[in-house]
C-alpha atoms as a PDB file:
ATOM      1  CA  UNK A   1      12.065  24.682   7.255  1.00  0.00           C
ATOM      2  CA  UNK A   2      10.799  22.235   9.858  1.00  0.00           C
ATOM      3  CA  UNK A   3      11.315  18.503   9.261  1.00  0.00           C
ATOM      4  CA  UNK A   4       7.544  18.000   9.575  1.00  0.00           C
ATOM      5  CA  UNK A   5       6.687  20.453   6.769  1.00  0.00           C
ATOM      6  CA  UNK A   6       7.181  17.841   4.081  1.00  0.00           C
ATOM      7  CA  UNK A   7       6.786  14.098   3.893  1.00  0.00           C
ATOM      8  CA  UNK A   8       7.785  11.149   1.751  1.00  0.00           C
ATOM      9  CA  UNK A   9       5.381   8.220   1.598  1.00  0.00           C
ATOM     10  CA  UNK A  10       6.138   4.969  -0.163  1.00  0.00           C
ATOM     11  CA  UNK A  11       3.088   2.910  -1.083  1.00  0.00           C
ATOM     12  CA  UNK A  12       3.227  -0.802  -1.888  1.00  0.00           C
ATOM     13  CA  UNK A  13       0.333  -2.809  -3.313  1.00  0.00           C
ATOM     14  CA  UNK A  14      -0.758  -5.261  -0.621  1.00  0.00           C
ATOM     15  CA  UNK A  15      -0.384  -8.267  -2.933  1.00  0.00           C
ATOM     16  CA  UNK A  16       3.347  -7.654  -3.544  1.00  0.00           C
ATOM     17  CA  UNK A  17       5.781 -10.102  -1.921  1.00  0.00           C
ATOM     18  CA  UNK A  18       8.336  -8.588   0.522  1.00  0.00           C
ATOM     19  CA  UNK A  19      11.378  -9.241  -1.710  1.00  0.00           C
ATOM     20  CA  UNK A  20       9.674  -7.506  -4.639  1.00  0.00           C
ATOM     21  CA  UNK A  21       8.467  -4.685  -2.356  1.00  0.00           C
ATOM     22  CA  UNK A  22      12.042  -3.925  -1.327  1.00  0.00           C
ATOM     23  CA  UNK A  23      13.100  -3.824  -4.983  1.00  0.00           C
ATOM     24  CA  UNK A  24      10.189  -1.533  -5.853  1.00  0.00           C
ATOM     25  CA  UNK A  25      10.946   0.906  -3.011  1.00  0.00           C
ATOM     26  CA  UNK A  26      14.659   0.886  -3.843  1.00  0.00           C
ATOM     27  CA  UNK A  27      14.080   1.863  -7.466  1.00  0.00           C
ATOM     28  CA  UNK A  28      11.468   4.459  -6.548  1.00  0.00           C
ATOM     29  CA  UNK A  29      13.698   6.006  -3.865  1.00  0.00           C
ATOM     30  CA  UNK A  30      16.480   6.525  -6.416  1.00  0.00           C
ATOM     31  CA  UNK A  31      13.985   8.137  -8.800  1.00  0.00           C
ATOM     32  CA  UNK A  32      12.343  10.432  -6.253  1.00  0.00           C
ATOM     33  CA  UNK A  33      15.757  11.483  -4.939  1.00  0.00           C
ATOM     34  CA  UNK A  34      17.019  12.291  -8.414  1.00  0.00           C
ATOM     35  CA  UNK A  35      14.059  14.480  -9.340  1.00  0.00           C
ATOM     36  CA  UNK A  36      13.372  16.163  -5.992  1.00  0.00           C
ATOM     37  CA  UNK A  37      14.540  19.569  -4.949  1.00  0.00           C
ATOM     38  CA  UNK A  38      17.761  19.826  -2.990  1.00  0.00           C
ATOM     39  CA  UNK A  39      15.935  20.680   0.247  1.00  0.00           C
ATOM     40  CA  UNK A  40      14.856  17.036   0.537  1.00  0.00           C
ATOM     41  CA  UNK A  41      18.299  16.067   1.720  1.00  0.00           C
ATOM     42  CA  UNK A  42      19.864  16.949   5.026  1.00  0.00           C
ATOM     43  CA  UNK A  43      23.584  17.585   5.331  1.00  0.00           C
ATOM     44  CA  UNK A  44      25.171  15.860   2.290  1.00  0.00           C
ATOM     45  CA  UNK A  45      28.067  14.290   4.181  1.00  0.00           C
ATOM     46  CA  UNK A  46      28.280  13.397   7.856  1.00  0.00           C
ATOM     47  CA  UNK A  47      31.756  12.879   9.287  1.00  0.00           C
ATOM     48  CA  UNK A  48      32.267  10.674  12.312  1.00  0.00           C
ATOM     49  CA  UNK A  49      34.862  11.236  15.030  1.00  0.00           C
ATOM     50  CA  UNK A  50      37.445   9.113  13.196  1.00  0.00           C
ATOM     51  CA  UNK A  51      37.104  11.200  10.022  1.00  0.00           C
ATOM     52  CA  UNK A  52      35.074   8.646   8.020  1.00  0.00           C
ATOM     53  CA  UNK A  53      32.373  10.173   5.834  1.00  0.00           C
ATOM     54  CA  UNK A  54      28.797   8.893   5.636  1.00  0.00           C
ATOM     55  CA  UNK A  55      26.216  10.055   3.118  1.00  0.00           C
ATOM     56  CA  UNK A  56      23.391  12.099   4.647  1.00  0.00           C
ATOM     57  CA  UNK A  57      19.741  11.103   4.545  1.00  0.00           C
ATOM     58  CA  UNK A  58      16.430  12.792   3.882  1.00  0.00           C
ATOM     59  CA  UNK A  59      15.513  15.734   6.066  1.00  0.00           C
ATOM     60  CA  UNK A  60      11.875  14.687   6.021  1.00  0.00           C
ATOM     61  CA  UNK A  61      10.046  11.615   7.340  1.00  0.00           C
ATOM     62  CA  UNK A  62       9.880   8.673   4.922  1.00  0.00           C
ATOM     63  CA  UNK A  63       7.274   6.042   5.727  1.00  0.00           C
ATOM     64  CA  UNK A  64       6.198   2.958   3.801  1.00  0.00           C
ATOM     65  CA  UNK A  65       2.528   2.009   3.574  1.00  0.00           C
ATOM     66  CA  UNK A  66       0.445  -0.644   1.851  1.00  0.00           C
ATOM     67  CA  UNK A  67      -2.928  -0.585   0.138  1.00  0.00           C
ATOM     68  CA  UNK A  68      -4.958  -2.686  -2.249  1.00  0.00           C
ATOM     69  CA  UNK A  69      -4.009  -2.263  -5.898  1.00  0.00           C
ATOM     70  CA  UNK A  70      -7.121  -0.209  -6.733  1.00  0.00           C
ATOM     71  CA  UNK A  71      -6.396   2.310  -3.967  1.00  0.00           C
ATOM     72  CA  UNK A  72      -2.778   2.504  -5.082  1.00  0.00           C
ATOM     73  CA  UNK A  73      -3.873   3.433  -8.606  1.00  0.00           C
ATOM     74  CA  UNK A  74      -6.269   6.074  -7.230  1.00  0.00           C
ATOM     75  CA  UNK A  75      -3.534   7.516  -4.997  1.00  0.00           C
ATOM     76  CA  UNK A  76      -1.142   7.781  -7.949  1.00  0.00           C
ATOM     77  CA  UNK A  77      -3.788   9.503 -10.076  1.00  0.00           C
ATOM     78  CA  UNK A  78      -4.674  11.955  -7.286  1.00  0.00           C
ATOM     79  CA  UNK A  79      -1.039  12.749  -6.581  1.00  0.00           C
ATOM     80  CA  UNK A  80      -0.241  13.314 -10.262  1.00  0.00           C
ATOM     81  CA  UNK A  81      -3.137  15.774 -10.433  1.00  0.00           C
ATOM     82  CA  UNK A  82      -1.574  17.864  -7.645  1.00  0.00           C
ATOM     83  CA  UNK A  83       1.218  20.013  -9.117  1.00  0.00           C
ATOM     84  CA  UNK A  84       2.732  20.492  -5.656  1.00  0.00           C
ATOM     85  CA  UNK A  85       3.558  16.776  -5.372  1.00  0.00           C
ATOM     86  CA  UNK A  86       6.371  14.752  -6.887  1.00  0.00           C
ATOM     87  CA  UNK A  87       5.324  11.209  -7.790  1.00  0.00           C
ATOM     88  CA  UNK A  88       7.397   8.210  -8.821  1.00  0.00           C
ATOM     89  CA  UNK A  89       5.341   5.158  -9.806  1.00  0.00           C
ATOM     90  CA  UNK A  90       6.291   1.557 -10.479  1.00  0.00           C
ATOM     91  CA  UNK A  91       4.177  -0.238 -13.088  1.00  0.00           C
ATOM     92  CA  UNK A  92       4.452  -4.030 -13.185  1.00  0.00           C
ATOM     93  CA  UNK A  93       6.096  -3.629 -16.603  1.00  0.00           C
ATOM     94  CA  UNK A  94       9.271  -2.682 -14.726  1.00  0.00           C
ATOM     95  CA  UNK A  95       9.524  -6.252 -13.424  1.00  0.00           C
ATOM     96  CA  UNK A  96       8.615  -7.834 -16.730  1.00  0.00           C
ATOM     97  CA  UNK A  97      11.219  -6.108 -18.908  1.00  0.00           C
ATOM     98  CA  UNK A  98      14.992  -6.436 -18.883  1.00  0.00           C
ATOM     99  CA  UNK A  99      16.279  -3.270 -20.525  1.00  0.00           C
ATOM    100  CA  UNK A 100      15.298   0.349 -20.477  1.00  0.00           C
ATOM    101  CA  UNK A 101      14.404   0.118 -24.167  1.00  0.00           C
ATOM    102  CA  UNK A 102      12.009  -2.772 -23.489  1.00  0.00           C
ATOM    103  CA  UNK A 103      10.452  -0.840 -20.594  1.00  0.00           C
ATOM    104  CA  UNK A 104       9.967   2.295 -22.692  1.00  0.00           C
ATOM    105  CA  UNK A 105       8.296   0.247 -25.442  1.00  0.00           C
ATOM    106  CA  UNK A 106       6.078  -1.667 -22.994  1.00  0.00           C
ATOM    107  CA  UNK A 107       4.813   1.493 -21.275  1.00  0.00           C
ATOM    108  CA  UNK A 108       4.296   3.294 -24.603  1.00  0.00           C
ATOM    109  CA  UNK A 109       1.986   0.497 -25.792  1.00  0.00           C
ATOM    110  CA  UNK A 110      -0.443   0.877 -22.859  1.00  0.00           C
ATOM    111  CA  UNK A 111      -2.955   3.462 -21.834  1.00  0.00           C
ATOM    112  CA  UNK A 112      -2.665   4.634 -18.236  1.00  0.00           C
ATOM    113  CA  UNK A 113      -5.784   2.763 -17.090  1.00  0.00           C
ATOM    114  CA  UNK A 114      -4.234  -0.505 -18.325  1.00  0.00           C
ATOM    115  CA  UNK A 115      -1.085  -0.169 -16.195  1.00  0.00           C
ATOM    116  CA  UNK A 116      -0.879  -2.335 -13.085  1.00  0.00           C
ATOM    117  CA  UNK A 117       1.040  -0.552 -10.336  1.00  0.00           C
ATOM    118  CA  UNK A 118       3.122  -2.303  -7.679  1.00  0.00           C
ATOM    119  CA  UNK A 119       4.162   0.811  -5.809  1.00  0.00           C
ATOM    120  CA  UNK A 120       4.733   4.538  -5.728  1.00  0.00           C
ATOM    121  CA  UNK A 121       6.444   7.243  -3.722  1.00  0.00           C
ATOM    122  CA  UNK A 122       4.801  10.604  -3.149  1.00  0.00           C
ATOM    123  CA  UNK A 123       6.771  13.598  -1.882  1.00  0.00           C
ATOM    124  CA  UNK A 124       5.561  17.054  -0.952  1.00  0.00           C
ATOM    125  CA  UNK A 125       3.946  19.191   1.704  1.00  0.00           C
ATOM    126  CA  UNK A 126       2.757  17.023   4.571  1.00  0.00           C
ATOM    127  CA  UNK A 127      -0.843  18.262   4.262  1.00  0.00           C
ATOM    128  CA  UNK A 128      -1.024  17.377   0.554  1.00  0.00           C
ATOM    129  CA  UNK A 129       0.564  13.957   1.044  1.00  0.00           C
ATOM    130  CA  UNK A 130      -1.621  13.149   4.063  1.00  0.00           C
ATOM    131  CA  UNK A 131      -4.801  13.983   2.109  1.00  0.00           C
ATOM    132  CA  UNK A 132      -3.953  11.056  -0.174  1.00  0.00           C
ATOM    133  CA  UNK A 133      -2.095   8.603   2.069  1.00  0.00           C
ATOM    134  CA  UNK A 134      -3.187   9.499   5.598  1.00  0.00           C
ATOM    135  CA  UNK A 135      -5.416   6.450   6.100  1.00  0.00           C
ATOM    136  CA  UNK A 136      -3.074   3.869   4.560  1.00  0.00           C
ATOM    137  CA  UNK A 137      -1.719   1.075   6.763  1.00  0.00           C
ATOM    138  CA  UNK A 138       1.966   1.006   7.618  1.00  0.00           C
ATOM    139  CA  UNK A 139       3.711  -1.706   5.577  1.00  0.00           C
ATOM    140  CA  UNK A 140       5.186  -4.605   7.493  1.00  0.00           C
ATOM    141  CA  UNK A 141       6.075  -8.190   6.813  1.00  0.00           C
ATOM    142  CA  UNK A 142       3.230 -10.225   8.235  1.00  0.00           C
END
């Protein structure tokens, strides 16, 4: 498999502060890594010349983008409707709760259209991911 066959795109709502954005992407990266297929990762352990091991990284490109909150919600909905894509999303409730139990209860009380998303990561075939995220701006600290 070629490294360009698949893609990982992180999406941050444009109104999210940089410190929060890093937190959002960190949590989402753990989630997407946990639930992805094993082919996402390159060699599990890289050993340097002195014999020190380093954990491997993703085989595929991982870029971070930003969009307005409404486009983020649409992207999440589109991605979740494509069975070939893996989607991790980050509702604002994740910042507003302290424990997993509180988070579960908060999400369970809301319908999907009432959730406010701060970010998401979409993973899958490059063509499928690009159809949703291809026109998004690269994220940077302005």
